[in-house]
All heavy atoms as atom14 arrays in JSON, in Angstrom:
{
  "sequence": "AARPPRELPDAGRVLLARAALIQSWPAWSFEGRIAVRDGKEGGSG",
  "atom14_mask": [
    [1, 1, 1, 1, 1, 0, 0, 0, 0, 0, 0, 0, 0, 0],
    [1, 1, 1, 1, 1, 0, 0, 0, 0, 0, 0, 0, 0, 0],
    [1, 1, 1, 1, 1, 1, 1, 1, 1, 1, 1, 0, 0, 0],
    [1, 1, 1, 1, 1, 1, 1, 0, 0, 0, 0, 0, 0, 0],
    [1, 1, 1, 1, 1, 1, 1, 0, 0, 0, 0, 0, 0, 0],
    [1, 1, 1, 1, 1, 1, 1, 1, 1, 1, 1, 0, 0, 0],
    [1, 1, 1, 1, 1, 1, 1, 1, 1, 0, 0, 0, 0, 0],
    [1, 1, 1, 1, 1, 1, 1, 1, 0, 0, 0, 0, 0, 0],
    [1, 1, 1, 1, 1, 1, 1, 0, 0, 0, 0, 0, 0, 0],
    [1, 1, 1, 1, 1, 1, 1, 1, 0, 0, 0, 0, 0, 0],
    [1, 1, 1, 1, 1, 0, 0, 0, 0, 0, 0, 0, 0, 0],
    [1, 1, 1, 1, 0, 0, 0, 0, 0, 0, 0, 0, 0, 0],
    [1, 1, 1, 1, 1, 1, 1, 1, 1, 1, 1, 0, 0, 0],
    [1, 1, 1, 1, 1, 1, 1, 0, 0, 0, 0, 0, 0, 0],
    [1, 1, 1, 1, 1, 1, 1, 1, 0, 0, 0, 0, 0, 0],
    [1, 1, 1, 1, 1, 1, 1, 1, 0, 0, 0, 0, 0, 0],
    [1, 1, 1, 1, 1, 0, 0, 0, 0, 0, 0, 0, 0, 0],
    [1, 1, 1, 1, 1, 1, 1, 1, 1, 1, 1, 0, 0, 0],
    [1, 1, 1, 1, 1, 0, 0, 0, 0, 0, 0, 0, 0, 0],
    [1, 1, 1, 1, 1, 0, 0, 0, 0, 0, 0, 0, 0, 0],
    [1, 1, 1, 1, 1, 1, 1, 1, 0, 0, 0, 0, 0, 0],
    [1, 1, 1, 1, 1, 1, 1, 1, 0, 0, 0, 0, 0, 0],
    [1, 1, 1, 1, 1, 1, 1, 1, 1, 0, 0, 0, 0, 0],
    [1, 1, 1, 1, 1, 1, 0, 0, 0, 0, 0, 0, 0, 0],
    [1, 1, 1, 1, 1, 1, 1, 1, 1, 1, 1, 1, 1, 1],
    [1, 1, 1, 1, 1, 1, 1, 0, 0, 0, 0, 0, 0, 0],
    [1, 1, 1, 1, 1, 0, 0, 0, 0, 0, 0, 0, 0, 0],
    [1, 1, 1, 1, 1, 1, 1, 1, 1, 1, 1, 1, 1, 1],
    [1, 1, 1, 1, 1, 1, 0, 0, 0, 0, 0, 0, 0, 0],
    [1, 1, 1, 1, 1, 1, 1, 1, 1, 1, 1, 0, 0, 0],
    [1, 1, 1, 1, 1, 1, 1, 1, 1, 0, 0, 0, 0, 0],
    [1, 1, 1, 1, 0, 0, 0, 0, 0, 0, 0, 0, 0, 0],
    [1, 1, 1, 1, 1, 1, 1, 1, 1, 1, 1, 0, 0, 0],
    [1, 1, 1, 1, 1, 1, 1, 1, 0, 0, 0, 0, 0, 0],
    [1, 1, 1, 1, 1, 0, 0, 0, 0, 0, 0, 0, 0, 0],
    [1, 1, 1, 1, 1, 1, 1, 0, 0, 0, 0, 0, 0, 0],
    [1, 1, 1, 1, 1, 1, 1, 1, 1, 1, 1, 0, 0, 0],
    [1, 1, 1, 1, 1, 1, 1, 1, 0, 0, 0, 0, 0, 0],
    [1, 1, 1, 1, 0, 0, 0, 0, 0, 0, 0, 0, 0, 0],
    [1, 1, 1, 1, 1, 1, 1, 1, 1, 0, 0, 0, 0, 0],
    [1, 1, 1, 1, 1, 1, 1, 1, 1, 0, 0, 0, 0, 0],
    [1, 1, 1, 1, 0, 0, 0, 0, 0, 0, 0, 0, 0, 0],
    [1, 1, 1, 1, 0, 0, 0, 0, 0, 0, 0, 0, 0, 0],
    [1, 1, 1, 1, 1, 1, 0, 0, 0, 0, 0, 0, 0, 0],
    [1, 1, 1, 1, 0, 0, 0, 0, 0, 0, 0, 0, 0, 0]
  ],
  "atom14_positions": [
    [[0.77, -1.27, 0.05], [0.01, -0.02, -0.08], [0.88, 1.32, 0.01], [0.45, 2.25, -0.53], [-0.91, 0.04, 1.23], [0.0, 0.0, 0.0], [0.0, 0.0, 0.0], [0.0, 0.0, 0.0], [0.0, 0.0, 0.0], [0.0, 0.0, 0.0], [0.0, 0.0, 0.0], [0.0, 0.0, 0.0], [0.0, 0.0, 0.0], [0.0, 0.0, 0.0]],
    [[2.06, 1.22, 0.6], [2.91, 2.33, 0.73], [3.63, 2.57, -0.62], [4.12, 3.7, -0.86], [4.03, 2.12, 1.77], [0.0, 0.0, 0.0], [0.0, 0.0, 0.0], [0.0, 0.0, 0.0], [0.0, 0.0, 0.0], [0.0, 0.0, 0.0], [0.0, 0.0, 0.0], [0.0, 0.0, 0.0], [0.0, 0.0, 0.0], [0.0, 0.0, 0.0]],
    [[3.63, 1.6, -1.53], [4.31, 1.86, -2.77], [3.38, 1.47, -3.99], [3.3, 0.45, -4.44], [5.53, 0.86, -2.93], [6.66, 1.13, -1.94], [7.93, 0.48, -2.26], [7.75, -0.97, -2.32], [7.92, -1.7, -1.25], [8.21, -1.25, 0.0], [7.74, -3.09, -1.33], [0.0, 0.0, 0.0], [0.0, 0.0, 0.0], [0.0, 0.0, 0.0]],
    [[2.54, 2.4, -4.36], [1.61, 2.26, -5.44], [2.36, 1.88, -6.76], [3.41, 2.43, -6.88], [0.85, 3.55, -5.56], [1.83, 4.55, -4.97], [2.53, 3.89, -3.76], [0.0, 0.0, 0.0], [0.0, 0.0, 0.0], [0.0, 0.0, 0.0], [0.0, 0.0, 0.0], [0.0, 0.0, 0.0], [0.0, 0.0, 0.0], [0.0, 0.0, 0.0]],
    [[1.76, 1.16, -7.59], [2.39, 0.83, -8.83], [2.7, 2.11, -9.7], [1.83, 3.08, -9.78], [1.35, -0.04, -9.58], [0.11, 0.23, -8.94], [0.38, 0.63, -7.53], [0.0, 0.0, 0.0], [0.0, 0.0, 0.0], [0.0, 0.0, 0.0], [0.0, 0.0, 0.0], [0.0, 0.0, 0.0], [0.0, 0.0, 0.0], [0.0, 0.0, 0.0]],
    [[3.8, 2.12, -10.43], [4.15, 3.24, -11.29], [3.05, 3.39, -12.42], [2.78, 2.37, -13.09], [5.53, 3.02, -11.94], [5.99, 4.16, -12.78], [7.45, 3.88, -13.16], [7.64, 2.78, -14.05], [7.46, 2.79, -15.26], [7.21, 3.88, -15.99], [7.55, 1.55, -16.0], [0.0, 0.0, 0.0], [0.0, 0.0, 0.0], [0.0, 0.0, 0.0]],
    [[2.64, 4.61, -12.59], [1.57, 4.87, -13.68], [2.38, 5.0, -15.09], [3.33, 5.78, -15.18], [0.87, 6.1, -13.31], [0.0, 5.98, -12.17], [-0.87, 7.17, -11.93], [-0.87, 8.07, -12.78], [-1.7, 7.26, -10.92], [0.0, 0.0, 0.0], [0.0, 0.0, 0.0], [0.0, 0.0, 0.0], [0.0, 0.0, 0.0], [0.0, 0.0, 0.0]],
    [[1.83, 4.34, -16.03], [2.42, 4.57, -17.37], [1.84, 5.83, -18.0], [0.69, 6.23, -17.64], [2.03, 3.34, -18.28], [2.6, 1.99, -17.88], [2.16, 0.87, -18.8], [4.21, 2.13, -17.99], [0.0, 0.0, 0.0], [0.0, 0.0, 0.0], [0.0, 0.0, 0.0], [0.0, 0.0, 0.0], [0.0, 0.0, 0.0], [0.0, 0.0, 0.0]],
    [[2.49, 6.49, -18.99], [1.93, 7.63, -19.6], [0.59, 7.43, -20.18], [0.38, 6.32, -20.8], [3.06, 7.88, -20.58], [4.24, 7.29, -20.18], [3.73, 6.06, -19.42], [0.0, 0.0, 0.0], [0.0, 0.0, 0.0], [0.0, 0.0, 0.0], [0.0, 0.0, 0.0], [0.0, 0.0, 0.0], [0.0, 0.0, 0.0], [0.0, 0.0, 0.0]],
    [[-0.35, 8.38, -20.18], [-1.58, 8.27, -20.76], [-1.37, 8.47, -22.3], [-0.9, 9.45, -22.63], [-2.54, 9.33, -20.26], [-3.94, 9.29, -20.85], [-4.66, 8.4, -20.6], [-4.12, 10.12, -21.73], [0.0, 0.0, 0.0], [0.0, 0.0, 0.0], [0.0, 0.0, 0.0], [0.0, 0.0, 0.0], [0.0, 0.0, 0.0], [0.0, 0.0, 0.0]],
    [[-1.83, 7.43, -23.05], [-1.68, 7.5, -24.45], [-2.24, 8.71, -25.08], [-1.71, 9.45, -25.97], [-2.17, 6.2, -25.08], [0.0, 0.0, 0.0], [0.0, 0.0, 0.0], [0.0, 0.0, 0.0], [0.0, 0.0, 0.0], [0.0, 0.0, 0.0], [0.0, 0.0, 0.0], [0.0, 0.0, 0.0], [0.0, 0.0, 0.0], [0.0, 0.0, 0.0]],
    [[-3.49, 8.89, -24.73], [-4.24, 10.05, -25.42], [-3.58, 11.4, -25.09], [-3.38, 12.21, -26.03], [0.0, 0.0, 0.0], [0.0, 0.0, 0.0], [0.0, 0.0, 0.0], [0.0, 0.0, 0.0], [0.0, 0.0, 0.0], [0.0, 0.0, 0.0], [0.0, 0.0, 0.0], [0.0, 0.0, 0.0], [0.0, 0.0, 0.0], [0.0, 0.0, 0.0]],
    [[-3.13, 11.57, -23.86], [-2.44, 12.86, -23.49], [-1.08, 13.05, -24.31], [-0.81, 14.07, -24.79], [-2.23, 12.88, -21.98], [-1.64, 14.23, -21.47], [-1.72, 14.3, -19.98], [-1.01, 13.33, -19.25], [-1.57, 12.3, -18.57], [-2.9, 12.15, -18.44], [-0.82, 11.49, -18.04], [0.0, 0.0, 0.0], [0.0, 0.0, 0.0], [0.0, 0.0, 0.0]],
    [[-0.39, 11.92, -24.38], [0.95, 11.97, -25.0], [0.73, 12.31, -26.53], [1.42, 13.15, -27.04], [1.83, 10.73, -24.77], [2.97, 10.64, -25.71], [2.06, 10.52, -23.32], [0.0, 0.0, 0.0], [0.0, 0.0, 0.0], [0.0, 0.0, 0.0], [0.0, 0.0, 0.0], [0.0, 0.0, 0.0], [0.0, 0.0, 0.0], [0.0, 0.0, 0.0]],
    [[-0.09, 11.57, -27.13], [-0.4, 11.69, -28.6], [-1.0, 13.07, -28.88], [-0.75, 13.66, -29.95], [-1.23, 10.54, -29.11], [-0.58, 9.29, -29.06], [-1.58, 8.05, -29.31], [0.6, 9.17, -30.04], [0.0, 0.0, 0.0], [0.0, 0.0, 0.0], [0.0, 0.0, 0.0], [0.0, 0.0, 0.0], [0.0, 0.0, 0.0], [0.0, 0.0, 0.0]],
    [[-1.9, 13.53, -28.05], [-2.56, 14.82, -28.36], [-1.53, 15.94, -28.18], [-1.56, 17.03, -28.97], [-3.7, 15.04, -27.45], [-4.93, 14.31, -27.72], [-5.99, 14.52, -26.52], [-5.56, 14.85, -28.97], [0.0, 0.0, 0.0], [0.0, 0.0, 0.0], [0.0, 0.0, 0.0], [0.0, 0.0, 0.0], [0.0, 0.0, 0.0], [0.0, 0.0, 0.0]],
    [[-0.55, 15.85, -27.18], [0.54, 16.77, -27.14], [1.39, 16.87, -28.24], [1.67, 17.93, -28.8], [1.32, 16.57, -25.78], [0.0, 0.0, 0.0], [0.0, 0.0, 0.0], [0.0, 0.0, 0.0], [0.0, 0.0, 0.0], [0.0, 0.0, 0.0], [0.0, 0.0, 0.0], [0.0, 0.0, 0.0], [0.0, 0.0, 0.0], [0.0, 0.0, 0.0]],
    [[1.68, 15.79, -28.85], [2.54, 15.66, -30.05], [1.72, 16.21, -31.32], [2.26, 16.97, -32.11], [2.93, 14.17, -30.37], [3.77, 14.2, -31.6], [4.43, 12.8, -31.78], [4.99, 12.73, -33.22], [6.31, 13.28, -33.34], [6.94, 13.82, -32.58], [6.71, 13.21, -34.58], [0.0, 0.0, 0.0], [0.0, 0.0, 0.0], [0.0, 0.0, 0.0]],
    [[0.41, 15.92, -31.3], [-0.45, 16.43, -32.46], [-0.49, 17.91, -32.43], [-0.45, 18.57, -33.51], [-1.73, 15.82, -32.38], [0.0, 0.0, 0.0], [0.0, 0.0, 0.0], [0.0, 0.0, 0.0], [0.0, 0.0, 0.0], [0.0, 0.0, 0.0], [0.0, 0.0, 0.0], [0.0, 0.0, 0.0], [0.0, 0.0, 0.0], [0.0, 0.0, 0.0]],
    [[-0.53, 18.56, -31.23], [-0.51, 19.99, -31.09], [0.8, 20.59, -31.61], [0.79, 21.62, -32.27], [-0.72, 20.47, -29.62], [0.0, 0.0, 0.0], [0.0, 0.0, 0.0], [0.0, 0.0, 0.0], [0.0, 0.0, 0.0], [0.0, 0.0, 0.0], [0.0, 0.0, 0.0], [0.0, 0.0, 0.0], [0.0, 0.0, 0.0], [0.0, 0.0, 0.0]],
    [[1.92, 19.94, -31.43], [3.22, 20.36, -32.02], [3.18, 20.27, -33.57], [3.65, 21.12, -34.24], [4.37, 19.55, -31.45], [4.69, 19.91, -29.96], [5.76, 18.92, -29.54], [5.17, 21.37, -29.72], [0.0, 0.0, 0.0], [0.0, 0.0, 0.0], [0.0, 0.0, 0.0], [0.0, 0.0, 0.0], [0.0, 0.0, 0.0], [0.0, 0.0, 0.0]],
    [[2.75, 19.12, -33.94], [2.73, 18.9, -35.5], [1.86, 19.81, -36.22], [2.16, 20.12, -37.43], [2.41, 17.33, -35.77], [3.42, 16.43, -35.07], [2.3, 17.13, -37.24], [4.82, 16.55, -35.65], [0.0, 0.0, 0.0], [0.0, 0.0, 0.0], [0.0, 0.0, 0.0], [0.0, 0.0, 0.0], [0.0, 0.0, 0.0], [0.0, 0.0, 0.0]],
    [[0.84, 20.25, -35.63], [-0.08, 21.23, -36.4], [0.54, 22.41, -36.77], [0.04, 23.13, -37.68], [-1.33, 21.52, -35.41], [-2.26, 20.33, -35.28], [-3.47, 20.69, -34.4], [-3.5, 21.79, -33.75], [-4.35, 19.79, -34.17], [0.0, 0.0, 0.0], [0.0, 0.0, 0.0], [0.0, 0.0, 0.0], [0.0, 0.0, 0.0], [0.0, 0.0, 0.0]],
    [[1.75, 22.73, -36.27], [2.36, 24.04, -36.68], [3.08, 23.79, -38.09], [3.44, 24.68, -38.72], [3.5, 24.29, -35.66], [3.0, 24.6, -34.4], [0.0, 0.0, 0.0], [0.0, 0.0, 0.0], [0.0, 0.0, 0.0], [0.0, 0.0, 0.0], [0.0, 0.0, 0.0], [0.0, 0.0, 0.0], [0.0, 0.0, 0.0], [0.0, 0.0, 0.0]],
    [[3.14, 22.48, -38.52], [3.62, 22.21, -39.87], [2.63, 21.48, -40.62], [2.72, 20.24, -40.91], [4.89, 21.45, -39.72], [5.99, 22.24, -39.15], [7.11, 22.91, -39.84], [6.39, 22.33, -37.74], [7.9, 23.45, -38.94], [7.48, 23.07, -37.64], [5.77, 21.75, -36.62], [8.1, 23.45, -36.42], [6.37, 22.09, -35.37], [7.6, 22.91, -35.29]],
    [[1.57, 22.12, -41.09], [0.38, 21.45, -41.78], [0.67, 20.94, -43.15], [-0.07, 20.08, -43.62], [-0.69, 22.55, -41.72], [0.06, 23.77, -41.86], [1.31, 23.7, -41.01], [0.0, 0.0, 0.0], [0.0, 0.0, 0.0], [0.0, 0.0, 0.0], [0.0, 0.0, 0.0], [0.0, 0.0, 0.0], [0.0, 0.0, 0.0], [0.0, 0.0, 0.0]],
    [[1.63, 21.41, -43.82], [2.04, 21.06, -45.16], [3.32, 20.29, -45.17], [4.28, 20.73, -44.53], [2.1, 22.26, -46.12], [0.0, 0.0, 0.0], [0.0, 0.0, 0.0], [0.0, 0.0, 0.0], [0.0, 0.0, 0.0], [0.0, 0.0, 0.0], [0.0, 0.0, 0.0], [0.0, 0.0, 0.0], [0.0, 0.0, 0.0], [0.0, 0.0, 0.0]],
    [[3.23, 19.03, -45.78], [4.46, 18.18, -45.57], [4.53, 17.24, -46.79], [3.7, 17.0, -47.5], [4.44, 17.43, -44.29], [3.13, 16.6, -44.07], [1.99, 17.15, -43.47], [2.85, 15.36, -44.46], [1.04, 16.12, -43.45], [1.52, 15.05, -43.98], [3.53, 14.36, -45.09], [0.88, 13.81, -44.23], [2.92, 13.07, -45.28], [1.62, 12.85, -44.89]],
    [[5.73, 16.66, -46.89], [5.95, 15.57, -47.95], [7.08, 14.76, -47.51], [7.93, 15.12, -46.74], [6.3, 16.24, -49.27], [7.53, 16.89, -49.39], [0.0, 0.0, 0.0], [0.0, 0.0, 0.0], [0.0, 0.0, 0.0], [0.0, 0.0, 0.0], [0.0, 0.0, 0.0], [0.0, 0.0, 0.0], [0.0, 0.0, 0.0], [0.0, 0.0, 0.0]],
    [[7.17, 13.55, -48.11], [8.35, 12.67, -47.87], [8.55, 11.75, -49.06], [7.64, 11.42, -49.78], [8.18, 11.87, -46.6], [7.24, 10.76, -46.68], [7.65, 9.47, -47.17], [5.94, 10.92, -46.17], [6.79, 8.39, -47.19], [5.06, 9.68, -46.16], [5.56, 8.49, -46.65], [0.0, 0.0, 0.0], [0.0, 0.0, 0.0], [0.0, 0.0, 0.0]],
    [[9.7, 11.27, -49.23], [10.09, 10.37, -50.14], [10.86, 9.19, -49.53], [11.46, 9.42, -48.48], [11.03, 10.88, -51.24], [10.51, 12.01, -52.1], [11.48, 12.52, -53.08], [12.28, 11.75, -53.55], [11.51, 13.69, -53.37], [0.0, 0.0, 0.0], [0.0, 0.0, 0.0], [0.0, 0.0, 0.0], [0.0, 0.0, 0.0], [0.0, 0.0, 0.0]],
    [[10.53, 7.97, -50.0], [11.13, 6.76, -49.39], [10.83, 5.53, -50.02], [10.47, 5.45, -51.27], [0.0, 0.0, 0.0], [0.0, 0.0, 0.0], [0.0, 0.0, 0.0], [0.0, 0.0, 0.0], [0.0, 0.0, 0.0], [0.0, 0.0, 0.0], [0.0, 0.0, 0.0], [0.0, 0.0, 0.0], [0.0, 0.0, 0.0], [0.0, 0.0, 0.0]],
    [[10.69, 4.52, -49.34], [10.39, 3.08, -49.85], [9.21, 2.61, -49.11], [9.06, 2.82, -47.92], [11.55, 2.16, -49.8], [12.77, 2.6, -50.62], [13.81, 1.44, -50.79], [13.21, 0.25, -51.44], [13.09, 0.15, -52.71], [13.41, 1.13, -53.57], [12.49, -0.99, -53.2], [0.0, 0.0, 0.0], [0.0, 0.0, 0.0], [0.0, 0.0, 0.0]],
    [[8.46, 1.72, -49.79], [7.23, 1.09, -49.07], [7.2, -0.36, -49.6], [7.71, -0.69, -50.67], [5.92, 1.75, -49.66], [4.76, 1.02, -48.9], [5.84, 1.79, -51.1], [3.45, 1.8, -49.17], [0.0, 0.0, 0.0], [0.0, 0.0, 0.0], [0.0, 0.0, 0.0], [0.0, 0.0, 0.0], [0.0, 0.0, 0.0], [0.0, 0.0, 0.0]],
    [[6.82, -1.17, -48.58], [6.58, -2.63, -48.92], [5.31, -3.12, -48.27], [5.05, -2.71, -46.97], [7.8, -3.52, -48.4], [0.0, 0.0, 0.0], [0.0, 0.0, 0.0], [0.0, 0.0, 0.0], [0.0, 0.0, 0.0], [0.0, 0.0, 0.0], [0.0, 0.0, 0.0], [0.0, 0.0, 0.0], [0.0, 0.0, 0.0], [0.0, 0.0, 0.0]],
    [[4.52, -3.84, -49.02], [3.22, -4.3, -48.38], [3.07, -5.82, -48.69], [3.54, -6.34, -49.69], [1.98, -3.54, -49.1], [2.12, -2.06, -48.76], [2.1, -3.73, -50.59], [0.0, 0.0, 0.0], [0.0, 0.0, 0.0], [0.0, 0.0, 0.0], [0.0, 0.0, 0.0], [0.0, 0.0, 0.0], [0.0, 0.0, 0.0], [0.0, 0.0, 0.0]],
    [[2.38, -6.45, -47.7], [2.04, -7.91, -47.85], [0.75, -8.14, -47.34], [0.23, -7.45, -46.47], [3.14, -8.7, -47.18], [4.5, -8.64, -47.69], [5.35, -9.73, -47.03], [4.87, -11.12, -47.46], [5.09, -11.68, -48.56], [5.83, -11.1, -49.55], [4.59, -12.92, -48.8], [0.0, 0.0, 0.0], [0.0, 0.0, 0.0], [0.0, 0.0, 0.0]],
    [[0.05, -9.17, -47.99], [-1.27, -9.53, -47.51], [-1.28, -10.95, -47.0], [-2.41, -11.54, -46.88], [-2.24, -9.46, -48.7], [-2.04, -10.39, -49.85], [-1.06, -11.21, -49.71], [-2.75, -10.32, -50.84], [0.0, 0.0, 0.0], [0.0, 0.0, 0.0], [0.0, 0.0, 0.0], [0.0, 0.0, 0.0], [0.0, 0.0, 0.0], [0.0, 0.0, 0.0]],
    [[-0.17, -11.54, -46.64], [-0.06, -12.74, -46.09], [0.29, -13.9, -47.13], [0.83, -14.93, -46.85], [0.0, 0.0, 0.0], [0.0, 0.0, 0.0], [0.0, 0.0, 0.0], [0.0, 0.0, 0.0], [0.0, 0.0, 0.0], [0.0, 0.0, 0.0], [0.0, 0.0, 0.0], [0.0, 0.0, 0.0], [0.0, 0.0, 0.0], [0.0, 0.0, 0.0]],
    [[0.01, -13.59, -48.41], [0.32, -14.49, -49.45], [1.32, -13.81, -50.61], [2.35, -14.32, -51.01], [-0.88, -14.97, -50.18], [-1.84, -15.77, -49.31], [-3.05, -16.22, -50.03], [-3.91, -17.09, -49.22], [-5.12, -17.67, -49.86], [0.0, 0.0, 0.0], [0.0, 0.0, 0.0], [0.0, 0.0, 0.0], [0.0, 0.0, 0.0], [0.0, 0.0, 0.0]],
    [[0.82, -12.52, -50.94], [1.58, -11.81, -51.95], [1.98, -10.46, -51.36], [1.5, -10.02, -50.39], [0.7, -11.73, -53.23], [0.36, -12.96, -53.91], [-0.49, -12.77, -55.11], [-0.96, -11.6, -55.43], [-0.72, -13.83, -55.88], [0.0, 0.0, 0.0], [0.0, 0.0, 0.0], [0.0, 0.0, 0.0], [0.0, 0.0, 0.0], [0.0, 0.0, 0.0]],
    [[2.92, -9.83, -52.06], [3.38, -8.44, -51.58], [3.88, -7.75, -52.8], [3.95, -8.06, -53.94], [0.0, 0.0, 0.0], [0.0, 0.0, 0.0], [0.0, 0.0, 0.0], [0.0, 0.0, 0.0], [0.0, 0.0, 0.0], [0.0, 0.0, 0.0], [0.0, 0.0, 0.0], [0.0, 0.0, 0.0], [0.0, 0.0, 0.0], [0.0, 0.0, 0.0]],
    [[4.24, -6.36, -52.49], [4.93, -5.55, -53.47], [5.67, -4.52, -52.8], [5.48, -4.39, -51.59], [0.0, 0.0, 0.0], [0.0, 0.0, 0.0], [0.0, 0.0, 0.0], [0.0, 0.0, 0.0], [0.0, 0.0, 0.0], [0.0, 0.0, 0.0], [0.0, 0.0, 0.0], [0.0, 0.0, 0.0], [0.0, 0.0, 0.0], [0.0, 0.0, 0.0]],
    [[6.59, -3.94, -53.59], [7.34, -2.87, -52.93], [7.77, -1.87, -54.04], [7.6, -2.05, -55.22], [8.69, -3.52, -52.34], [9.43, -4.12, -53.33], [0.0, 0.0, 0.0], [0.0, 0.0, 0.0], [0.0, 0.0, 0.0], [0.0, 0.0, 0.0], [0.0, 0.0, 0.0], [0.0, 0.0, 0.0], [0.0, 0.0, 0.0], [0.0, 0.0, 0.0]],
    [[8.33, -0.68, -53.59], [8.66, 0.24, -54.52], [8.97, 1.61, -53.83], [9.16, 1.61, -52.65], [0.0, 0.0, 0.0], [0.0, 0.0, 0.0], [0.0, 0.0, 0.0], [0.0, 0.0, 0.0], [0.0, 0.0, 0.0], [0.0, 0.0, 0.0], [0.0, 0.0, 0.0], [0.0, 0.0, 0.0], [0.0, 0.0, 0.0], [0.0, 0.0, 0.0]]
  ]
}
């Protein structure tokens, strides 16, 4: 009772705080690679 379990960060609070920061950069782009699979077949590019 004297040592309550350590609380993990609240997911909603953490993600909303990050979203508030990201909103300052509303226009964005990226280049890279993608790979997808459906369990049987896949593709990449």
